[in-house]
PDB file of N, CA and C in Angstrom:
ATOM      1  N   MET A   1     -39.075 -27.445 -94.831  1.00  0.00           N
ATOM      2  CA  MET A   1     -39.656 -26.351 -94.103  1.00  0.00           C
ATOM      3  C   MET A   1     -39.200 -26.419 -92.648  1.00  0.00           C
ATOM      4  N   LEU A   2     -38.812 -25.263 -92.111  1.00  0.00           N
ATOM      5  CA  LEU A   2     -38.366 -25.198 -90.725  1.00  0.00           C
ATOM      6  C   LEU A   2     -39.560 -25.135 -89.786  1.00  0.00           C
ATOM      7  N   PRO A   3     -39.456 -25.753 -88.613  1.00  0.00           N
ATOM      8  CA  PRO A   3     -40.555 -25.658 -87.653  1.00  0.00           C
ATOM      9  C   PRO A   3     -40.637 -24.230 -87.099  1.00  0.00           C
ATOM     10  N   ILE A   4     -41.838 -23.815 -86.750  1.00  0.00           N
ATOM     11  CA  ILE A   4     -42.033 -22.500 -86.153  1.00  0.00           C
ATOM     12  C   ILE A   4     -41.424 -22.522 -84.759  1.00  0.00           C
ATOM     13  N   ARG A   5     -40.643 -21.516 -84.469  1.00  0.00           N
ATOM     14  CA  ARG A   5     -39.935 -21.439 -83.200  1.00  0.00           C
ATOM     15  C   ARG A   5     -40.579 -20.426 -82.264  1.00  0.00           C
ATOM     16  N   LEU A   6     -41.914 -20.396 -82.268  1.00  0.00           N
ATOM     17  CA  LEU A   6     -42.626 -19.447 -81.428  1.00  0.00           C
ATOM     18  C   LEU A   6     -43.957 -20.053 -81.000  1.00  0.00           C
ATOM     19  N   ASP A   7     -44.232 -19.979 -79.706  1.00  0.00           N
ATOM     20  CA  ASP A   7     -45.548 -20.349 -79.187  1.00  0.00           C
ATOM     21  C   ASP A   7     -46.292 -19.059 -78.883  1.00  0.00           C
ATOM     22  N   LEU A   8     -47.574 -19.059 -79.184  1.00  0.00           N
ATOM     23  CA  LEU A   8     -48.385 -17.865 -79.025  1.00  0.00           C
ATOM     24  C   LEU A   8     -49.687 -18.248 -78.332  1.00  0.00           C
ATOM     25  N   ASP A   9     -50.063 -17.467 -77.318  1.00  0.00           N
ATOM     26  CA  ASP A   9     -51.313 -17.709 -76.606  1.00  0.00           C
ATOM     27  C   ASP A   9     -52.018 -16.374 -76.410  1.00  0.00           C
ATOM     28  N   VAL A  10     -53.309 -16.333 -76.663  1.00  0.00           N
ATOM     29  CA  VAL A  10     -54.099 -15.115 -76.492  1.00  0.00           C
ATOM     30  C   VAL A  10     -55.095 -15.330 -75.370  1.00  0.00           C
ATOM     31  N   SER A  11     -55.098 -14.406 -74.407  1.00  0.00           N
ATOM     32  CA  SER A  11     -56.024 -14.446 -73.277  1.00  0.00           C
ATOM     33  C   SER A  11     -56.760 -13.112 -73.228  1.00  0.00           C
ATOM     34  N   THR A  12     -58.076 -13.170 -73.346  1.00  0.00           N
ATOM     35  CA  THR A  12     -58.866 -11.942 -73.357  1.00  0.00           C
ATOM     36  C   THR A  12     -59.613 -11.787 -72.045  1.00  0.00           C
ATOM     37  N   GLN A  13     -59.448 -10.611 -71.449  1.00  0.00           N
ATOM     38  CA  GLN A  13     -60.163 -10.230 -70.247  1.00  0.00           C
ATOM     39  C   GLN A  13     -60.938  -8.960 -70.580  1.00  0.00           C
ATOM     40  N   PRO A  14     -61.853  -8.520 -69.721  1.00  0.00           N
ATOM     41  CA  PRO A  14     -62.670  -7.352 -70.067  1.00  0.00           C
ATOM     42  C   PRO A  14     -61.872  -6.090 -70.408  1.00  0.00           C
ATOM     43  N   ASP A  15     -60.777  -5.834 -69.718  1.00  0.00           N
ATOM     44  CA  ASP A  15     -60.055  -4.577 -69.925  1.00  0.00           C
ATOM     45  C   ASP A  15     -58.698  -4.729 -70.602  1.00  0.00           C
ATOM     46  N   VAL A  16     -58.260  -5.961 -70.810  1.00  0.00           N
ATOM     47  CA  VAL A  16     -56.944  -6.179 -71.416  1.00  0.00           C
ATOM     48  C   VAL A  16     -56.919  -7.518 -72.156  1.00  0.00           C
ATOM     49  N   THR A  17     -56.226  -7.523 -73.275  1.00  0.00           N
ATOM     50  CA  THR A  17     -55.943  -8.761 -73.981  1.00  0.00           C
ATOM     51  C   THR A  17     -54.454  -9.012 -73.855  1.00  0.00           C
ATOM     52  N   VAL A  18     -54.082 -10.186 -73.391  1.00  0.00           N
ATOM     53  CA  VAL A  18     -52.675 -10.536 -73.219  1.00  0.00           C
ATOM     54  C   VAL A  18     -52.295 -11.561 -74.276  1.00  0.00           C
ATOM     55  N   VAL A  19     -51.281 -11.228 -75.046  1.00  0.00           N
ATOM     56  CA  VAL A  19     -50.711 -12.153 -76.017  1.00  0.00           C
ATOM     57  C   VAL A  19     -49.361 -12.578 -75.474  1.00  0.00           C
ATOM     58  N   THR A  20     -49.225 -13.858 -75.159  1.00  0.00           N
ATOM     59  CA  THR A  20     -47.987 -14.387 -74.596  1.00  0.00           C
ATOM     60  C   THR A  20     -47.182 -15.038 -75.712  1.00  0.00           C
ATOM     61  N   LEU A  21     -45.938 -14.618 -75.834  1.00  0.00           N
ATOM     62  CA  LEU A  21     -45.036 -15.153 -76.852  1.00  0.00           C
ATOM     63  C   LEU A  21     -43.897 -15.890 -76.168  1.00  0.00           C
ATOM     64  N   ALA A  22     -43.568 -17.061 -76.672  1.00  0.00           N
ATOM     65  CA  ALA A  22     -42.444 -17.839 -76.131  1.00  0.00           C
ATOM     66  C   ALA A  22     -41.642 -18.379 -77.307  1.00  0.00           C
ATOM     67  N   GLY A  23     -40.357 -18.072 -77.319  1.00  0.00           N
ATOM     68  CA  GLY A  23     -39.490 -18.536 -78.402  1.00  0.00           C
ATOM     69  C   GLY A  23     -38.825 -17.371 -79.106  1.00  0.00           C
ATOM     70  N   GLU A  24     -38.730 -17.471 -80.419  1.00  0.00           N
ATOM     71  CA  GLU A  24     -38.008 -16.483 -81.211  1.00  0.00           C
ATOM     72  C   GLU A  24     -38.971 -15.591 -81.987  1.00  0.00           C
ATOM     73  N   LEU A  25     -38.725 -14.289 -81.926  1.00  0.00           N
ATOM     74  CA  LEU A  25     -39.518 -13.318 -82.671  1.00  0.00           C
ATOM     75  C   LEU A  25     -38.633 -12.769 -83.782  1.00  0.00           C
ATOM     76  N   ASP A  26     -38.833 -13.317 -84.990  1.00  0.00           N
ATOM     77  CA  ASP A  26     -37.967 -12.952 -86.113  1.00  0.00           C
ATOM     78  C   ASP A  26     -38.766 -12.941 -87.413  1.00  0.00           C
ATOM     79  N   MET A  27     -38.091 -12.845 -88.519  1.00  0.00           N
ATOM     80  CA  MET A  27     -38.726 -12.747 -89.824  1.00  0.00           C
ATOM     81  C   MET A  27     -39.665 -13.934 -90.087  1.00  0.00           C
ATOM     82  N   THR A  28     -39.325 -15.093 -89.589  1.00  0.00           N
ATOM     83  CA  THR A  28     -40.122 -16.294 -89.811  1.00  0.00           C
ATOM     84  C   THR A  28     -41.382 -16.318 -88.951  1.00  0.00           C
ATOM     85  N   THR A  29     -41.291 -15.828 -87.729  1.00  0.00           N
ATOM     86  CA  THR A  29     -42.400 -15.959 -86.785  1.00  0.00           C
ATOM     87  C   THR A  29     -43.291 -14.720 -86.689  1.00  0.00           C
ATOM     88  N   CYS A  30     -42.798 -13.559 -87.077  1.00  0.00           N
ATOM     89  CA  CYS A  30     -43.596 -12.328 -86.979  1.00  0.00           C
ATOM     90  C   CYS A  30     -44.934 -12.416 -87.708  1.00  0.00           C
ATOM     91  N   PRO A  31     -45.006 -13.025 -88.892  1.00  0.00           N
ATOM     92  CA  PRO A  31     -46.304 -13.098 -89.565  1.00  0.00           C
ATOM     93  C   PRO A  31     -47.386 -13.811 -88.731  1.00  0.00           C
ATOM     94  N   TYR A  32     -47.005 -14.775 -87.908  1.00  0.00           N
ATOM     95  CA  TYR A  32     -47.966 -15.472 -87.061  1.00  0.00           C
ATOM     96  C   TYR A  32     -48.501 -14.547 -85.969  1.00  0.00           C
ATOM     97  N   VAL A  33     -47.625 -13.724 -85.428  1.00  0.00           N
ATOM     98  CA  VAL A  33     -48.056 -12.765 -84.407  1.00  0.00           C
ATOM     99  C   VAL A  33     -48.965 -11.723 -85.042  1.00  0.00           C
ATOM    100  N   THR A  34     -48.576 -11.225 -86.207  1.00  0.00           N
ATOM    101  CA  THR A  34     -49.402 -10.236 -86.911  1.00  0.00           C
ATOM    102  C   THR A  34     -50.774 -10.810 -87.229  1.00  0.00           C
ATOM    103  N   GLN A  35     -50.805 -12.039 -87.706  1.00  0.00           N
ATOM    104  CA  GLN A  35     -52.077 -12.686 -88.037  1.00  0.00           C
ATOM    105  C   GLN A  35     -52.967 -12.780 -86.797  1.00  0.00           C
ATOM    106  N   ALA A  36     -52.389 -13.129 -85.663  1.00  0.00           N
ATOM    107  CA  ALA A  36     -53.168 -13.268 -84.428  1.00  0.00           C
ATOM    108  C   ALA A  36     -53.635 -11.912 -83.899  1.00  0.00           C
ATOM    109  N   THR A  37     -52.804 -10.895 -83.987  1.00  0.00           N
ATOM    110  CA  THR A  37     -53.170  -9.590 -83.431  1.00  0.00           C
ATOM    111  C   THR A  37     -54.054  -8.783 -84.371  1.00  0.00           C
ATOM    112  N   ASP A  38     -54.003  -9.053 -85.661  1.00  0.00           N
ATOM    113  CA  ASP A  38     -54.854  -8.323 -86.612  1.00  0.00           C
ATOM    114  C   ASP A  38     -56.339  -8.544 -86.337  1.00  0.00           C
ATOM    115  N   THR A  39     -56.676  -9.663 -85.731  1.00  0.00           N
ATOM    116  CA  THR A  39     -58.087  -9.969 -85.462  1.00  0.00           C
ATOM    117  C   THR A  39     -58.586  -9.348 -84.163  1.00  0.00           C
ATOM    118  N   LEU A  40     -57.681  -8.771 -83.368  1.00  0.00           N
ATOM    119  CA  LEU A  40     -58.064  -8.211 -82.076  1.00  0.00           C
ATOM    120  C   LEU A  40     -58.529  -6.766 -82.229  1.00  0.00           C
ATOM    121  N   ALA A  41     -59.640  -6.449 -81.572  1.00  0.00           N
ATOM    122  CA  ALA A  41     -60.112  -5.065 -81.536  1.00  0.00           C
ATOM    123  C   ALA A  41     -59.272  -4.306 -80.515  1.00  0.00           C
ATOM    124  N   LEU A  42     -58.684  -3.206 -80.936  1.00  0.00           N
ATOM    125  CA  LEU A  42     -57.831  -2.433 -80.041  1.00  0.00           C
ATOM    126  C   LEU A  42     -58.470  -1.121 -79.580  1.00  0.00           C
ATOM    127  N   LYS A  43     -59.575  -0.743 -80.182  1.00  0.00           N
ATOM    128  CA  LYS A  43     -60.193   0.547 -79.876  1.00  0.00           C
ATOM    129  C   LYS A  43     -60.493   0.660 -78.379  1.00  0.00           C
ATOM    130  N   GLY A  44     -59.805   1.586 -77.734  1.00  0.00           N
ATOM    131  CA  GLY A  44     -60.002   1.829 -76.322  1.00  0.00           C
ATOM    132  C   GLY A  44     -59.554   0.695 -75.419  1.00  0.00           C
ATOM    133  N   GLN A  45     -58.849  -0.284 -75.950  1.00  0.00           N
ATOM    134  CA  GLN A  45     -58.420  -1.453 -75.183  1.00  0.00           C
ATOM    135  C   GLN A  45     -56.919  -1.418 -74.918  1.00  0.00           C
ATOM    136  N   THR A  46     -56.507  -2.197 -73.946  1.00  0.00           N
ATOM    137  CA  THR A  46     -55.090  -2.404 -73.690  1.00  0.00           C
ATOM    138  C   THR A  46     -54.703  -3.762 -74.257  1.00  0.00           C
ATOM    139  N   LEU A  47     -53.670  -3.753 -75.072  1.00  0.00           N
ATOM    140  CA  LEU A  47     -53.078  -4.991 -75.580  1.00  0.00           C
ATOM    141  C   LEU A  47     -51.730  -5.132 -74.894  1.00  0.00           C
ATOM    142  N   ALA A  48     -51.543  -6.234 -74.195  1.00  0.00           N
ATOM    143  CA  ALA A  48     -50.297  -6.487 -73.490  1.00  0.00           C
ATOM    144  C   ALA A  48     -49.605  -7.683 -74.135  1.00  0.00           C
ATOM    145  N   LEU A  49     -48.378  -7.473 -74.569  1.00  0.00           N
ATOM    146  CA  LEU A  49     -47.578  -8.574 -75.108  1.00  0.00           C
ATOM    147  C   LEU A  49     -46.638  -9.044 -74.012  1.00  0.00           C
ATOM    148  N   ASP A  50     -46.832 -10.273 -73.551  1.00  0.00           N
ATOM    149  CA  ASP A  50     -45.949 -10.853 -72.543  1.00  0.00           C
ATOM    150  C   ASP A  50     -44.766 -11.481 -73.280  1.00  0.00           C
ATOM    151  N   LEU A  51     -43.625 -10.842 -73.167  1.00  0.00           N
ATOM    152  CA  LEU A  51     -42.419 -11.280 -73.870  1.00  0.00           C
ATOM    153  C   LEU A  51     -41.440 -11.991 -72.940  1.00  0.00           C
ATOM    154  N   SER A  52     -41.861 -12.296 -71.728  1.00  0.00           N
ATOM    155  CA  SER A  52     -40.932 -12.834 -70.731  1.00  0.00           C
ATOM    156  C   SER A  52     -40.304 -14.164 -71.135  1.00  0.00           C
ATOM    157  N   ALA A  53     -40.946 -14.928 -72.013  1.00  0.00           N
ATOM    158  CA  ALA A  53     -40.387 -16.213 -72.453  1.00  0.00           C
ATOM    159  C   ALA A  53     -39.764 -16.112 -73.846  1.00  0.00           C
ATOM    160  N   LEU A  54     -39.535 -14.901 -74.299  1.00  0.00           N
ATOM    161  CA  LEU A  54     -38.895 -14.705 -75.598  1.00  0.00           C
ATOM    162  C   LEU A  54     -37.411 -15.017 -75.469  1.00  0.00           C
ATOM    163  N   THR A  55     -36.881 -15.818 -76.380  1.00  0.00           N
ATOM    164  CA  THR A  55     -35.466 -16.178 -76.329  1.00  0.00           C
ATOM    165  C   THR A  55     -34.622 -15.357 -77.296  1.00  0.00           C
ATOM    166  N   HIS A  56     -35.279 -14.749 -78.297  1.00  0.00           N
ATOM    167  CA  HIS A  56     -34.541 -13.951 -79.278  1.00  0.00           C
ATOM    168  C   HIS A  56     -35.515 -13.017 -79.992  1.00  0.00           C
ATOM    169  N   MET A  57     -35.055 -11.791 -80.250  1.00  0.00           N
ATOM    170  CA  MET A  57     -35.815 -10.860 -81.071  1.00  0.00           C
ATOM    171  C   MET A  57     -34.839 -10.137 -81.983  1.00  0.00           C
ATOM    172  N   ASP A  58     -35.169 -10.077 -83.282  1.00  0.00           N
ATOM    173  CA  ASP A  58     -34.320  -9.355 -84.222  1.00  0.00           C
ATOM    174  C   ASP A  58     -35.045  -8.112 -84.730  1.00  0.00           C
ATOM    175  N   SER A  59     -34.514  -7.488 -85.767  1.00  0.00           N
ATOM    176  CA  SER A  59     -35.093  -6.254 -86.292  1.00  0.00           C
ATOM    177  C   SER A  59     -36.496  -6.470 -86.856  1.00  0.00           C
ATOM    178  N   SER A  60     -36.789  -7.660 -87.337  1.00  0.00           N
ATOM    179  CA  SER A  60     -38.144  -7.959 -87.814  1.00  0.00           C
ATOM    180  C   SER A  60     -39.133  -7.912 -86.658  1.00  0.00           C
ATOM    181  N   GLY A  61     -38.721  -8.444 -85.525  1.00  0.00           N
ATOM    182  CA  GLY A  61     -39.558  -8.393 -84.326  1.00  0.00           C
ATOM    183  C   GLY A  61     -39.780  -6.966 -83.874  1.00  0.00           C
ATOM    184  N   LEU A  62     -38.724  -6.161 -83.904  1.00  0.00           N
ATOM    185  CA  LEU A  62     -38.847  -4.754 -83.536  1.00  0.00           C
ATOM    186  C   LEU A  62     -39.808  -4.038 -84.480  1.00  0.00           C
ATOM    187  N   ASN A  63     -39.674  -4.277 -85.767  1.00  0.00           N
ATOM    188  CA  ASN A  63     -40.555  -3.644 -86.741  1.00  0.00           C
ATOM    189  C   ASN A  63     -42.014  -4.038 -86.501  1.00  0.00           C
ATOM    190  N   MET A  64     -42.247  -5.305 -86.183  1.00  0.00           N
ATOM    191  CA  MET A  64     -43.600  -5.758 -85.895  1.00  0.00           C
ATOM    192  C   MET A  64     -44.157  -5.063 -84.660  1.00  0.00           C
ATOM    193  N   LEU A  65     -43.328  -4.912 -83.612  1.00  0.00           N
ATOM    194  CA  LEU A  65     -43.764  -4.229 -82.403  1.00  0.00           C
ATOM    195  C   LEU A  65     -44.089  -2.762 -82.686  1.00  0.00           C
ATOM    196  N   LEU A  66     -43.269  -2.106 -83.492  1.00  0.00           N
ATOM    197  CA  LEU A  66     -43.527  -0.707 -83.834  1.00  0.00           C
ATOM    198  C   LEU A  66     -44.826  -0.567 -84.634  1.00  0.00           C
ATOM    199  N   THR A  67     -45.058  -1.479 -85.555  1.00  0.00           N
ATOM    200  CA  THR A  67     -46.290  -1.457 -86.347  1.00  0.00           C
ATOM    201  C   THR A  67     -47.499  -1.663 -85.450  1.00  0.00           C
ATOM    202  N   LEU A  68     -47.405  -2.605 -84.517  1.00  0.00           N
ATOM    203  CA  LEU A  68     -48.500  -2.868 -83.586  1.00  0.00           C
ATOM    204  C   LEU A  68     -48.732  -1.673 -82.665  1.00  0.00           C
ATOM    205  N   ARG A  69     -47.665  -1.034 -82.236  1.00  0.00           N
ATOM    206  CA  ARG A  69     -47.776   0.170 -81.409  1.00  0.00           C
ATOM    207  C   ARG A  69     -48.530   1.257 -82.162  1.00  0.00           C
ATOM    208  N   ASN A  70     -48.166   1.473 -83.416  1.00  0.00           N
ATOM    209  CA  ASN A  70     -48.816   2.504 -84.213  1.00  0.00           C
ATOM    210  C   ASN A  70     -50.294   2.175 -84.439  1.00  0.00           C
ATOM    211  N   ARG A  71     -50.581   0.912 -84.679  1.00  0.00           N
ATOM    212  CA  ARG A  71     -51.980   0.501 -84.863  1.00  0.00           C
ATOM    213  C   ARG A  71     -52.782   0.753 -83.593  1.00  0.00           C
ATOM    214  N   ALA A  72     -52.232   0.380 -82.446  1.00  0.00           N
ATOM    215  CA  ALA A  72     -52.927   0.607 -81.175  1.00  0.00           C
ATOM    216  C   ALA A  72     -53.184   2.099 -80.981  1.00  0.00           C
ATOM    217  N   ARG A  73     -52.190   2.913 -81.235  1.00  0.00           N
ATOM    218  CA  ARG A  73     -52.346   4.371 -81.090  1.00  0.00           C
ATOM    219  C   ARG A  73     -53.427   4.892 -82.036  1.00  0.00           C
ATOM    220  N   ASP A  74     -53.396   4.456 -83.298  1.00  0.00           N
ATOM    221  CA  ASP A  74     -54.373   4.908 -84.295  1.00  0.00           C
ATOM    222  C   ASP A  74     -55.801   4.510 -83.931  1.00  0.00           C
ATOM    223  N   GLU A  75     -55.943   3.385 -83.234  1.00  0.00           N
ATOM    224  CA  GLU A  75     -57.263   2.901 -82.833  1.00  0.00           C
ATOM    225  C   GLU A  75     -57.613   3.311 -81.396  1.00  0.00           C
ATOM    226  N   HIS A  76     -56.850   4.252 -80.827  1.00  0.00           N
ATOM    227  CA  HIS A  76     -57.077   4.765 -79.467  1.00  0.00           C
ATOM    228  C   HIS A  76     -56.978   3.666 -78.420  1.00  0.00           C
ATOM    229  N   GLY A  77     -56.093   2.728 -78.677  1.00  0.00           N
ATOM    230  CA  GLY A  77     -55.795   1.679 -77.717  1.00  0.00           C
ATOM    231  C   GLY A  77     -54.418   1.916 -77.122  1.00  0.00           C
ATOM    232  N   VAL A  78     -53.981   0.973 -76.316  1.00  0.00           N
ATOM    233  CA  VAL A  78     -52.695   1.070 -75.637  1.00  0.00           C
ATOM    234  C   VAL A  78     -51.956  -0.257 -75.800  1.00  0.00           C
ATOM    235  N   LEU A  79     -50.656  -0.192 -76.043  1.00  0.00           N
ATOM    236  CA  LEU A  79     -49.819  -1.388 -76.114  1.00  0.00           C
ATOM    237  C   LEU A  79     -48.830  -1.369 -74.957  1.00  0.00           C
ATOM    238  N   HIS A  80     -48.800  -2.444 -74.201  1.00  0.00           N
ATOM    239  CA  HIS A  80     -47.821  -2.626 -73.133  1.00  0.00           C
ATOM    240  C   HIS A  80     -46.963  -3.837 -73.470  1.00  0.00           C
ATOM    241  N   LEU A  81     -45.679  -3.738 -73.196  1.00  0.00           N
ATOM    242  CA  LEU A  81     -44.765  -4.875 -73.316  1.00  0.00           C
ATOM    243  C   LEU A  81     -44.445  -5.354 -71.910  1.00  0.00           C
ATOM    244  N   LEU A  82     -44.706  -6.616 -71.650  1.00  0.00           N
ATOM    245  CA  LEU A  82     -44.523  -7.182 -70.308  1.00  0.00           C
ATOM    246  C   LEU A  82     -43.296  -8.074 -70.257  1.00  0.00           C
ATOM    247  N   GLY A  83     -42.523  -7.931 -69.163  1.00  0.00           N
ATOM    248  CA  GLY A  83     -41.411  -8.842 -68.910  1.00  0.00           C
ATOM    249  C   GLY A  83     -40.402  -8.922 -70.035  1.00  0.00           C
ATOM    250  N   VAL A  84     -40.054  -7.788 -70.617  1.00  0.00           N
ATOM    251  CA  VAL A  84     -39.149  -7.788 -71.773  1.00  0.00           C
ATOM    252  C   VAL A  84     -37.776  -8.326 -71.351  1.00  0.00           C
ATOM    253  N   PRO A  85     -37.307  -9.396 -72.004  1.00  0.00           N
ATOM    254  CA  PRO A  85     -36.022  -9.983 -71.633  1.00  0.00           C
ATOM    255  C   PRO A  85     -34.845  -9.098 -72.048  1.00  0.00           C
ATOM    256  N   ARG A  86     -33.722  -9.363 -71.460  1.00  0.00           N
ATOM    257  CA  ARG A  86     -32.509  -8.559 -71.654  1.00  0.00           C
ATOM    258  C   ARG A  86     -32.121  -8.400 -73.123  1.00  0.00           C
ATOM    259  N   GLN A  87     -32.170  -9.471 -73.891  1.00  0.00           N
ATOM    260  CA  GLN A  87     -31.757  -9.397 -75.304  1.00  0.00           C
ATOM    261  C   GLN A  87     -32.685  -8.474 -76.089  1.00  0.00           C
ATOM    262  N   ALA A  88     -33.975  -8.559 -75.835  1.00  0.00           N
ATOM    263  CA  ALA A  88     -34.922  -7.682 -76.529  1.00  0.00           C
ATOM    264  C   ALA A  88     -34.761  -6.232 -76.068  1.00  0.00           C
ATOM    265  N   LEU A  89     -34.486  -6.029 -74.787  1.00  0.00           N
ATOM    266  CA  LEU A  89     -34.213  -4.672 -74.298  1.00  0.00           C
ATOM    267  C   LEU A  89     -32.990  -4.081 -74.997  1.00  0.00           C
ATOM    268  N   ARG A  90     -32.015  -4.913 -75.229  1.00  0.00           N
ATOM    269  CA  ARG A  90     -30.802  -4.453 -75.933  1.00  0.00           C
ATOM    270  C   ARG A  90     -31.152  -3.985 -77.349  1.00  0.00           C
ATOM    271  N   VAL A  91     -32.018  -4.708 -78.040  1.00  0.00           N
ATOM    272  CA  VAL A  91     -32.458  -4.293 -79.374  1.00  0.00           C
ATOM    273  C   VAL A  91     -33.159  -2.937 -79.290  1.00  0.00           C
ATOM    274  N   LEU A  92     -34.045  -2.792 -78.301  1.00  0.00           N
ATOM    275  CA  LEU A  92     -34.747  -1.512 -78.130  1.00  0.00           C
ATOM    276  C   LEU A  92     -33.767  -0.386 -77.823  1.00  0.00           C
ATOM    277  N   ASP A  93     -32.781  -0.660 -76.976  1.00  0.00           N
ATOM    278  CA  ASP A  93     -31.799   0.366 -76.615  1.00  0.00           C
ATOM    279  C   ASP A  93     -30.896   0.743 -77.786  1.00  0.00           C
ATOM    280  N   LEU A  94     -30.415  -0.260 -78.509  1.00  0.00           N
ATOM    281  CA  LEU A  94     -29.513   0.008 -79.635  1.00  0.00           C
ATOM    282  C   LEU A  94     -30.188   0.817 -80.740  1.00  0.00           C
ATOM    283  N   THR A  95     -31.500   0.662 -80.863  1.00  0.00           N
ATOM    284  CA  THR A  95     -32.238   1.359 -81.911  1.00  0.00           C
ATOM    285  C   THR A  95     -32.891   2.651 -81.401  1.00  0.00           C
ATOM    286  N   GLY A  96     -32.747   2.926 -80.118  1.00  0.00           N
ATOM    287  CA  GLY A  96     -33.325   4.144 -79.552  1.00  0.00           C
ATOM    288  C   GLY A  96     -34.844   4.119 -79.492  1.00  0.00           C
ATOM    289  N   THR A  97     -35.425   2.937 -79.427  1.00  0.00           N
ATOM    290  CA  THR A  97     -36.885   2.835 -79.454  1.00  0.00           C
ATOM    291  C   THR A  97     -37.508   2.453 -78.109  1.00  0.00           C
ATOM    292  N   ARG A  98     -36.694   2.231 -77.096  1.00  0.00           N
ATOM    293  CA  ARG A  98     -37.247   1.812 -75.797  1.00  0.00           C
ATOM    294  C   ARG A  98     -38.289   2.797 -75.291  1.00  0.00           C
ATOM    295  N   SER A  99     -38.028   4.073 -75.445  1.00  0.00           N
ATOM    296  CA  SER A  99     -38.937   5.096 -74.911  1.00  0.00           C
ATOM    297  C   SER A  99     -40.280   5.146 -75.644  1.00  0.00           C
ATOM    298  N   LEU A 100     -40.392   4.494 -76.779  1.00  0.00           N
ATOM    299  CA  LEU A 100     -41.645   4.487 -77.530  1.00  0.00           C
ATOM    300  C   LEU A 100     -42.661   3.496 -76.964  1.00  0.00           C
ATOM    301  N   PHE A 101     -42.197   2.623 -76.084  1.00  0.00           N
ATOM    302  CA  PHE A 101     -43.044   1.560 -75.553  1.00  0.00           C
ATOM    303  C   PHE A 101     -43.278   1.742 -74.062  1.00  0.00           C
ATOM    304  N   THR A 102     -44.413   1.252 -73.602  1.00  0.00           N
ATOM    305  CA  THR A 102     -44.701   1.173 -72.176  1.00  0.00           C
ATOM    306  C   THR A 102     -44.272  -0.210 -71.717  1.00  0.00           C
ATOM    307  N   LEU A 103     -43.256  -0.248 -70.865  1.00  0.00           N
ATOM    308  CA  LEU A 103     -42.713  -1.517 -70.376  1.00  0.00           C
ATOM    309  C   LEU A 103     -43.254  -1.773 -68.976  1.00  0.00           C
ATOM    310  N   ARG A 104     -43.696  -2.990 -68.751  1.00  0.00           N
ATOM    311  CA  ARG A 104     -44.241  -3.401 -67.459  1.00  0.00           C
ATOM    312  C   ARG A 104     -43.609  -4.726 -67.069  1.00  0.00           C
ATOM    313  N   PRO A 105     -43.614  -5.020 -65.752  1.00  0.00           N
ATOM    314  CA  PRO A 105     -43.136  -6.342 -65.335  1.00  0.00           C
ATOM    315  C   PRO A 105     -44.091  -7.426 -65.823  1.00  0.00           C
ATOM    316  N   ARG A 106     -43.611  -8.623 -65.800  1.00  0.00           N
ATOM    317  CA  ARG A 106     -44.418  -9.781 -66.211  1.00  0.00           C
ATOM    318  C   ARG A 106     -45.604  -9.945 -65.269  1.00  0.00           C
ATOM    319  N   LEU A 107     -46.737 -10.324 -65.833  1.00  0.00           N
ATOM    320  CA  LEU A 107     -47.915 -10.612 -65.005  1.00  0.00           C
ATOM    321  C   LEU A 107     -47.662 -11.875 -64.204  1.00  0.00           C
ATOM    322  N   THR A 108     -48.116 -11.883 -62.989  1.00  0.00           N
ATOM    323  CA  THR A 108     -47.992 -13.101 -62.184  1.00  0.00           C
ATOM    324  C   THR A 108     -49.323 -13.836 -62.227  1.00  0.00           C
ATOM    325  N   PRO A 109     -49.268 -15.149 -62.338  1.00  0.00           N
ATOM    326  CA  PRO A 109     -50.505 -15.940 -62.435  1.00  0.00           C
ATOM    327  C   PRO A 109     -51.340 -15.869 -61.184  1.00  0.00           C
TER     328      PRO A 109
END
């Protein structure tokens, strides 16, 4: 069995939940992100995914982000992508999906 190549941290504040991802977002790691985000209430909330420490994202990662975006919209919530790295931006650009997401700079501690 291969080790998981993704660290995930969830921080909940009154108006926003931040999920910080570090490592690779791919077919192997997406189920862990889905499992963690499925438990979060999105109704009227902002969910921010901090991707600034992401080293790789493939089409599985993009599909997971699109699914999460649709879920947030369906539950009257908002999804923001924070600090999206160059490689992930390239995936969004190549697939024509960048405009579907709200991109923000990385949160500063």
